[in-house]
Amino acid sequence: MKKIITALGFVLMLVSTGVSAQTPEMVVYTVFSITEPSENSAIRANAGNFSIEFEVKPGLAKGHSIEVFMDGLRYRLVRRSQQGVMILINVDRGTHEIYGVIVDESDIEVARSEMVTVHLQRAAVGQISP
């Protein structure tokens, strides 16, 4: 598991969903997908935090980790809550495209999940009612 501290002081934990008995050179991921949220989901999260669940088969090989990308960029404000689940922190409201990438110890992409579109809804602050 990699641990990165961002400029804002958030800790980024790249999740390991279990270690496979296979060595990194011989692993072939037969399943790597986002199971939650589903495609085109509307997510209500006033703080901007929501979780992403991944399914990985076989389990991650030693030295491999999952990284989350949102709108084409690696999303750094991520926290691991349990195996296969990552929590995105302080996401802006609106429509976002999310996918995961499995990388090896050299940060080389090994597998990529499908892209999922989500619509994050947050309460507006400072709005005056008519």
C-alpha atoms as a PDB file:
ATOM      1  CA  MET A   1       0.000   0.000   0.000  1.00  0.00           C
ATOM      2  CA  LYS A   2       1.363   3.428  -0.936  1.00  0.00           C
ATOM      3  CA  LYS A   3       0.893   6.420   1.334  1.00  0.00           C
ATOM      4  CA  ILE A   4       1.183   9.966  -0.023  1.00  0.00           C
ATOM      5  CA  ILE A   5       0.636  13.175   1.917  1.00  0.00           C
ATOM      6  CA  THR A   6      -0.753  15.961  -0.271  1.00  0.00           C
ATOM      7  CA  ALA A   7       0.041  19.666  -0.064  1.00  0.00           C
ATOM      8  CA  LEU A   8      -3.206  20.192   1.863  1.00  0.00           C
ATOM      9  CA  GLY A   9      -2.157  17.623   4.453  1.00  0.00           C
ATOM     10  CA  PHE A  10      -4.625  14.950   3.325  1.00  0.00           C
ATOM     11  CA  VAL A  11      -3.337  11.398   3.381  1.00  0.00           C
ATOM     12  CA  LEU A  12      -3.795   9.401   0.187  1.00  0.00           C
ATOM     13  CA  MET A  13      -3.951   5.683   0.783  1.00  0.00           C
ATOM     14  CA  LEU A  14      -3.839   3.524  -2.306  1.00  0.00           C
ATOM     15  CA  VAL A  15      -5.873   0.456  -1.537  1.00  0.00           C
ATOM     16  CA  SER A  16      -4.766  -3.128  -1.656  1.00  0.00           C
ATOM     17  CA  THR A  17      -7.730  -5.497  -1.949  1.00  0.00           C
ATOM     18  CA  GLY A  18      -5.795  -8.523  -0.767  1.00  0.00           C
ATOM     19  CA  VAL A  19      -2.576 -10.008  -2.001  1.00  0.00           C
ATOM     20  CA  SER A  20      -2.726 -12.602  -4.712  1.00  0.00           C
ATOM     21  CA  ALA A  21      -0.476 -15.651  -4.629  1.00  0.00           C
ATOM     22  CA  GLN A  22       0.589 -14.779  -8.166  1.00  0.00           C
ATOM     23  CA  THR A  23       3.726 -12.784  -8.767  1.00  0.00           C
ATOM     24  CA  PRO A  24       3.273  -9.380 -10.439  1.00  0.00           C
ATOM     25  CA  GLU A  25       4.859 -10.682 -13.659  1.00  0.00           C
ATOM     26  CA  MET A  26       2.273 -13.422 -14.117  1.00  0.00           C
ATOM     27  CA  VAL A  27      -0.954 -11.848 -12.853  1.00  0.00           C
ATOM     28  CA  VAL A  28      -3.790 -11.360 -15.327  1.00  0.00           C
ATOM     29  CA  TYR A  29      -6.789  -9.518 -13.930  1.00  0.00           C
ATOM     30  CA  THR A  30      -9.959 -11.154 -15.188  1.00  0.00           C
ATOM     31  CA  VAL A  31     -12.213  -8.629 -13.416  1.00  0.00           C
ATOM     32  CA  PHE A  32     -11.489  -5.024 -12.523  1.00  0.00           C
ATOM     33  CA  SER A  33     -14.624  -2.953 -12.246  1.00  0.00           C
ATOM     34  CA  ILE A  34     -16.421  -0.298 -10.237  1.00  0.00           C
ATOM     35  CA  THR A  35     -19.369  -1.912  -8.465  1.00  0.00           C
ATOM     36  CA  GLU A  36     -20.574   1.266  -6.701  1.00  0.00           C
ATOM     37  CA  PRO A  37     -21.652   3.857  -7.648  1.00  0.00           C
ATOM     38  CA  SER A  38     -23.455   2.594 -10.701  1.00  0.00           C
ATOM     39  CA  GLU A  39     -23.388   4.354 -14.059  1.00  0.00           C
ATOM     40  CA  ASN A  40     -25.233   7.684 -14.174  1.00  0.00           C
ATOM     41  CA  SER A  41     -25.893   7.725 -10.404  1.00  0.00           C
ATOM     42  CA  ALA A  42     -27.019  10.848  -8.617  1.00  0.00           C
ATOM     43  CA  ILE A  43     -25.121  11.112  -5.323  1.00  0.00           C
ATOM     44  CA  ARG A  44     -26.252  13.453  -2.548  1.00  0.00           C
ATOM     45  CA  ALA A  45     -23.203  14.347  -0.446  1.00  0.00           C
ATOM     46  CA  ASN A  46     -23.206  17.829   1.076  1.00  0.00           C
ATOM     47  CA  ALA A  47     -19.607  17.451   2.302  1.00  0.00           C
ATOM     48  CA  GLY A  48     -18.554  16.184  -1.139  1.00  0.00           C
ATOM     49  CA  ASN A  49     -17.367  12.815   0.189  1.00  0.00           C
ATOM     50  CA  PHE A  50     -18.494   9.533  -1.362  1.00  0.00           C
ATOM     51  CA  SER A  51     -17.185   6.012  -1.721  1.00  0.00           C
ATOM     52  CA  ILE A  52     -16.168   3.959  -4.730  1.00  0.00           C
ATOM     53  CA  GLU A  53     -16.199   0.168  -4.538  1.00  0.00           C
ATOM     54  CA  PHE A  54     -13.968  -1.931  -6.794  1.00  0.00           C
ATOM     55  CA  GLU A  55     -14.082  -5.615  -7.650  1.00  0.00           C
ATOM     56  CA  VAL A  56     -10.694  -7.134  -8.514  1.00  0.00           C
ATOM     57  CA  LYS A  57     -10.192 -10.784  -9.530  1.00  0.00           C
ATOM     58  CA  PRO A  58      -7.860 -12.309  -8.703  1.00  0.00           C
ATOM     59  CA  GLY A  59      -6.863 -10.107  -5.746  1.00  0.00           C
ATOM     60  CA  LEU A  60      -4.149  -7.523  -6.253  1.00  0.00           C
ATOM     61  CA  ALA A  61      -0.671  -8.962  -6.752  1.00  0.00           C
ATOM     62  CA  LYS A  62       2.036  -7.924  -4.336  1.00  0.00           C
ATOM     63  CA  GLY A  63       3.256  -4.430  -5.232  1.00  0.00           C
ATOM     64  CA  HIS A  64       0.112  -3.519  -7.207  1.00  0.00           C
ATOM     65  CA  SER A  65      -2.294  -0.820  -6.061  1.00  0.00           C
ATOM     66  CA  ILE A  66      -5.439   0.951  -7.250  1.00  0.00           C
ATOM     67  CA  GLU A  67      -5.500   4.627  -8.132  1.00  0.00           C
ATOM     68  CA  VAL A  68      -8.657   6.646  -8.770  1.00  0.00           C
ATOM     69  CA  PHE A  69      -9.009   9.022 -11.708  1.00  0.00           C
ATOM     70  CA  MET A  70     -11.742  11.628 -11.939  1.00  0.00           C
ATOM     71  CA  ASP A  71     -12.361  13.702 -15.067  1.00  0.00           C
ATOM     72  CA  GLY A  72      -9.141  12.355 -16.574  1.00  0.00           C
ATOM     73  CA  LEU A  73      -6.857  13.344 -13.673  1.00  0.00           C
ATOM     74  CA  ARG A  74      -5.529  11.281 -10.791  1.00  0.00           C
ATOM     75  CA  TYR A  75      -7.644  12.206  -7.787  1.00  0.00           C
ATOM     76  CA  ARG A  76      -5.406  12.798  -4.779  1.00  0.00           C
ATOM     77  CA  LEU A  77      -7.945  13.323  -1.986  1.00  0.00           C
ATOM     78  CA  VAL A  78      -8.744   9.672  -1.439  1.00  0.00           C
ATOM     79  CA  ARG A  79      -8.938   7.649   1.746  1.00  0.00           C
ATOM     80  CA  ARG A  80      -9.213   3.894   2.109  1.00  0.00           C
ATOM     81  CA  SER A  81     -12.080   2.706   4.295  1.00  0.00           C
ATOM     82  CA  GLN A  82     -11.898  -1.055   3.772  1.00  0.00           C
ATOM     83  CA  GLN A  83     -10.595  -3.498   1.200  1.00  0.00           C
ATOM     84  CA  GLY A  84     -11.790  -2.578  -2.273  1.00  0.00           C
ATOM     85  CA  VAL A  85     -13.418   0.667  -1.111  1.00  0.00           C
ATOM     86  CA  MET A  86     -12.013   4.162  -1.517  1.00  0.00           C
ATOM     87  CA  ILE A  87     -13.557   7.401  -0.305  1.00  0.00           C
ATOM     88  CA  LEU A  88     -13.212  10.521  -2.425  1.00  0.00           C
ATOM     89  CA  ILE A  89     -12.999  13.658  -0.308  1.00  0.00           C
ATOM     90  CA  ASN A  90     -14.317  17.167  -0.997  1.00  0.00           C
ATOM     91  CA  VAL A  91     -15.440  16.550  -4.584  1.00  0.00           C
ATOM     92  CA  ASP A  92     -17.047  19.546  -6.304  1.00  0.00           C
ATOM     93  CA  ARG A  93     -20.699  19.228  -7.221  1.00  0.00           C
ATOM     94  CA  GLY A  94     -21.544  18.396 -10.808  1.00  0.00           C
ATOM     95  CA  THR A  95     -21.042  15.570 -13.277  1.00  0.00           C
ATOM     96  CA  HIS A  96     -17.832  13.556 -13.040  1.00  0.00           C
ATOM     97  CA  GLU A  97     -16.320  10.618 -14.900  1.00  0.00           C
ATOM     98  CA  ILE A  98     -14.510   8.170 -12.612  1.00  0.00           C
ATOM     99  CA  TYR A  99     -12.372   5.109 -13.282  1.00  0.00           C
ATOM    100  CA  GLY A 100      -9.700   3.096 -11.540  1.00  0.00           C
ATOM    101  CA  VAL A 101      -6.261   1.995 -12.648  1.00  0.00           C
ATOM    102  CA  ILE A 102      -4.156  -0.825 -11.232  1.00  0.00           C
ATOM    103  CA  VAL A 103      -0.484   0.129 -11.231  1.00  0.00           C
ATOM    104  CA  ASP A 104       2.632  -1.825 -10.357  1.00  0.00           C
ATOM    105  CA  GLU A 105       5.488  -0.698  -8.102  1.00  0.00           C
ATOM    106  CA  SER A 106       6.975   1.295 -11.006  1.00  0.00           C
ATOM    107  CA  ASP A 107       3.672   3.172 -11.428  1.00  0.00           C
ATOM    108  CA  ILE A 108       3.039   1.427 -14.756  1.00  0.00           C
ATOM    109  CA  GLU A 109      -0.611   0.790 -15.631  1.00  0.00           C
ATOM    110  CA  VAL A 110      -1.512  -2.894 -15.506  1.00  0.00           C
ATOM    111  CA  ALA A 111      -5.319  -2.707 -15.813  1.00  0.00           C
ATOM    112  CA  ARG A 112      -8.065  -0.097 -16.118  1.00  0.00           C
ATOM    113  CA  SER A 113     -11.712  -0.266 -15.045  1.00  0.00           C
ATOM    114  CA  GLU A 114     -14.607   1.002 -17.085  1.00  0.00           C
ATOM    115  CA  MET A 115     -15.518   4.662 -16.702  1.00  0.00           C
ATOM    116  CA  VAL A 116     -18.553   5.511 -14.571  1.00  0.00           C
ATOM    117  CA  THR A 117     -20.381   8.837 -14.773  1.00  0.00           C
ATOM    118  CA  VAL A 118     -21.786  10.219 -11.510  1.00  0.00           C
ATOM    119  CA  HIS A 119     -23.686  13.397 -10.675  1.00  0.00           C
ATOM    120  CA  LEU A 120     -22.711  14.832  -7.294  1.00  0.00           C
ATOM    121  CA  GLN A 121     -25.277  17.025  -5.588  1.00  0.00           C
ATOM    122  CA  ARG A 122     -24.184  19.326  -2.754  1.00  0.00           C
ATOM    123  CA  ALA A 123     -26.164  21.940  -0.891  1.00  0.00           C
ATOM    124  CA  ALA A 124     -25.596  25.461  -2.168  1.00  0.00           C
ATOM    125  CA  VAL A 125     -24.122  27.846   0.413  1.00  0.00           C
ATOM    126  CA  GLY A 126     -24.968  31.520   0.513  1.00  0.00           C
ATOM    127  CA  GLN A 127     -28.085  31.279  -1.643  1.00  0.00           C
ATOM    128  CA  ILE A 128     -30.804  33.807  -0.814  1.00  0.00           C
ATOM    129  CA  SER A 129     -34.359  32.556  -1.130  1.00  0.00           C
ATOM    130  CA  PRO A 130     -36.693  34.736  -3.235  1.00  0.00           C
END
